[in-house]
Amino acid sequence: MADNTITVVGNVTRDPELKFLNSGQAALRLSVAVNRRWQNRQTQEWEERVSYFEVVGYGAMAENVANSVQKGARVIVSGRLEQRSWETENGDKRSIVEINADEIAPSLRYATAVVTKTPRAEGGNFQSNDRPAAAPRSNEPSSYAFDEEPF
């Protein structure tokens, strides 16, 4: 069974962007910088590399993250990698690999947090429209994908 699950821990590089799709579903986009630091064994110098990950989330989680996380916050993101393609107004083809988040949470390694539960829908179950089942294929219309180019 193939699996492309990913978990990253890093800092939010800009305030999360929240918008609502035509269906009314909340959609979130944010970017996370992950720093990797190591000591070069030959030179004994410390070296560092930064990787940037675009993250998308949907539904109640998107709204909760937008209300809870700001630029600079250290977060833990767990989800799956997905590639999305689109065509610009000029007809140029573009694509991006994003993390489609299952969970986004503040890291408590260097901070504290106060958790406030949000009310659930009647029945207390996860809403089926809170998260898309799969990413759309580039040639298929989607009611939950961002309608235009990435932010």
Protein backbone atom coordinates (compact mmCIF):
# COMPACT_ATOMS: atom_id res chain seq x y z
CA MET A 1 0.00 0.00 0.00
CA ALA A 2 1.46 3.36 -1.02
CA ASP A 3 1.51 6.11 1.57
CA ASN A 4 2.78 9.68 1.29
CA THR A 5 2.20 10.87 4.85
CA ILE A 6 4.41 13.73 6.01
CA THR A 7 4.93 15.54 9.29
CA VAL A 8 6.92 18.77 9.49
CA VAL A 9 7.77 21.04 12.39
CA GLY A 10 8.68 24.61 11.55
CA ASN A 11 7.82 28.29 11.69
CA VAL A 12 4.92 29.95 9.88
CA THR A 13 6.43 32.40 7.37
CA ARG A 14 3.37 34.62 6.86
CA ASP A 15 -0.01 35.03 8.50
CA PRO A 16 -2.38 32.25 7.41
CA GLU A 17 -4.70 33.16 4.54
CA LEU A 18 -8.32 32.09 4.96
CA LYS A 19 -10.96 32.23 2.28
CA PHE A 20 -14.27 30.58 1.60
CA LEU A 21 -14.88 28.51 -1.51
CA ASN A 22 -18.02 28.75 -3.64
CA SER A 23 -19.42 25.85 -1.63
CA GLY A 24 -19.03 27.88 1.58
CA GLN A 25 -16.24 25.65 2.85
CA ALA A 26 -13.31 27.37 4.59
CA ALA A 27 -9.92 26.98 2.89
CA LEU A 28 -6.60 27.88 4.46
CA ARG A 29 -3.14 28.41 3.00
CA LEU A 30 0.06 28.98 4.92
CA SER A 31 3.78 28.46 4.46
CA VAL A 32 6.09 26.71 6.93
CA ALA A 33 9.88 27.05 7.03
CA VAL A 34 11.75 24.03 8.36
CA ASN A 35 15.35 24.60 9.42
CA ARG A 36 17.87 21.79 9.37
CA ARG A 37 21.18 22.41 11.12
CA TRP A 38 24.23 20.16 11.28
CA GLN A 39 27.94 20.33 11.94
CA ASN A 40 30.23 19.72 8.98
CA ARG A 41 32.61 17.00 10.17
CA GLN A 42 35.44 18.18 7.95
CA THR A 43 35.36 21.90 8.77
CA GLN A 44 33.64 21.69 12.19
CA GLU A 45 31.47 24.61 11.01
CA TRP A 46 27.74 24.65 11.58
CA GLU A 47 25.70 24.60 8.38
CA GLU A 48 22.02 25.22 7.89
CA ARG A 49 19.44 24.60 5.17
CA VAL A 50 15.88 25.87 5.12
CA SER A 51 13.02 24.12 3.31
CA TYR A 52 9.71 25.87 2.68
CA PHE A 53 6.43 23.96 2.52
CA GLU A 54 3.08 25.26 1.31
CA VAL A 55 0.23 23.93 3.45
CA VAL A 56 -3.50 23.82 2.72
CA GLY A 57 -6.31 22.90 5.10
CA TYR A 58 -10.07 22.88 4.95
CA GLY A 59 -13.24 23.16 7.02
CA ALA A 60 -13.35 23.89 10.72
CA MET A 61 -9.62 23.23 11.08
CA ALA A 62 -8.89 26.00 8.55
CA GLU A 63 -10.93 28.50 10.56
CA ASN A 64 -9.40 27.38 13.87
CA VAL A 65 -5.85 27.71 12.52
CA ALA A 66 -6.57 31.15 11.03
CA ASN A 67 -7.85 32.29 14.46
CA SER A 68 -4.98 30.71 16.41
CA VAL A 69 -1.72 30.93 14.44
CA GLN A 70 0.27 33.93 13.24
CA LYS A 71 3.51 34.53 11.35
CA GLY A 72 6.47 33.27 13.37
CA ALA A 73 4.54 30.62 15.31
CA ARG A 74 6.17 27.21 15.55
CA VAL A 75 3.72 24.57 14.32
CA ILE A 76 3.46 20.85 13.72
CA VAL A 77 1.79 19.92 10.44
CA SER A 78 0.75 16.37 9.58
CA GLY A 79 -0.86 15.46 6.28
CA ARG A 80 -0.14 14.16 2.81
CA LEU A 81 1.81 15.51 -0.13
CA GLU A 82 -0.27 16.36 -3.17
CA GLN A 83 0.61 17.89 -6.51
CA ARG A 84 -1.79 20.36 -8.04
CA SER A 85 -1.66 21.81 -11.56
CA TRP A 86 -3.38 24.79 -13.15
CA GLU A 87 -3.13 27.08 -16.13
CA THR A 88 -2.50 30.82 -15.81
CA GLU A 89 -4.52 33.49 -17.63
CA ASN A 90 -1.68 33.60 -20.19
CA GLY A 91 -2.00 29.87 -20.84
CA ASP A 92 1.18 28.91 -18.95
CA LYS A 93 1.02 25.60 -17.11
CA ARG A 94 2.03 25.62 -13.45
CA SER A 95 2.14 23.05 -10.70
CA ILE A 96 2.88 22.96 -6.99
CA VAL A 97 3.43 20.27 -4.37
CA GLU A 98 1.56 21.06 -1.15
CA ILE A 99 0.92 19.46 2.19
CA ASN A 100 -2.81 18.78 2.47
CA ALA A 101 -3.06 18.97 6.26
CA ASP A 102 -4.87 16.48 8.46
CA GLU A 103 -3.67 18.33 11.57
CA ILE A 104 -2.03 21.69 12.28
CA ALA A 105 -1.06 22.45 15.85
CA PRO A 106 1.17 24.83 17.77
CA SER A 107 4.45 23.32 18.94
CA LEU A 108 4.77 23.51 22.71
CA ARG A 109 8.52 22.98 22.73
CA TYR A 110 9.23 26.69 23.26
CA ALA A 111 5.74 28.03 24.06
CA THR A 112 2.57 27.42 26.00
CA ALA A 113 -0.98 27.37 24.69
CA VAL A 114 -4.50 27.69 25.98
CA VAL A 115 -6.90 25.27 24.28
CA THR A 116 -10.50 26.31 23.74
CA LYS A 117 -12.79 23.63 22.31
CA THR A 118 -15.09 24.75 19.53
CA PRO A 119 -18.64 23.43 19.47
CA ARG A 120 -19.26 20.44 17.22
CA ALA A 121 -22.10 19.98 14.81
CA GLU A 122 -25.15 18.11 16.03
CA GLY A 123 -24.24 14.48 16.70
CA GLY A 124 -20.65 15.43 17.58
CA ASN A 125 -19.15 13.77 14.53
CA PHE A 126 -16.60 15.00 12.04
CA GLN A 127 -18.33 16.76 9.22
CA SER A 128 -17.87 14.97 5.91
CA ASN A 129 -17.43 18.31 4.14
CA ASP A 130 -14.68 19.48 6.53
CA ARG A 131 -11.96 17.90 4.45
CA PRO A 132 -11.82 16.79 0.87
CA ALA A 133 -11.36 13.08 0.31
CA ALA A 134 -8.65 13.49 -2.32
CA ALA A 135 -6.97 16.19 -4.33
CA PRO A 136 -8.55 16.93 -7.68
CA ARG A 137 -6.81 15.83 -10.81
CA SER A 138 -5.68 18.79 -12.87
CA ASN A 139 -8.29 18.14 -15.57
CA GLU A 140 -11.20 17.55 -13.21
CA PRO A 141 -13.37 20.34 -11.82
CA SER A 142 -13.37 20.61 -8.07
CA SER A 143 -15.69 22.26 -5.61
CA TYR A 144 -13.02 22.44 -2.91
CA ALA A 145 -9.76 23.28 -4.65
CA PHE A 146 -8.62 26.86 -4.77
CA ASP A 147 -10.29 28.30 -7.84
CA GLU A 148 -7.28 30.27 -8.99
CA GLU A 149 -3.51 30.13 -8.83
CA PRO A 150 -1.97 29.60 -5.39
CA PHE A 151 -1.88 32.74 -3.29
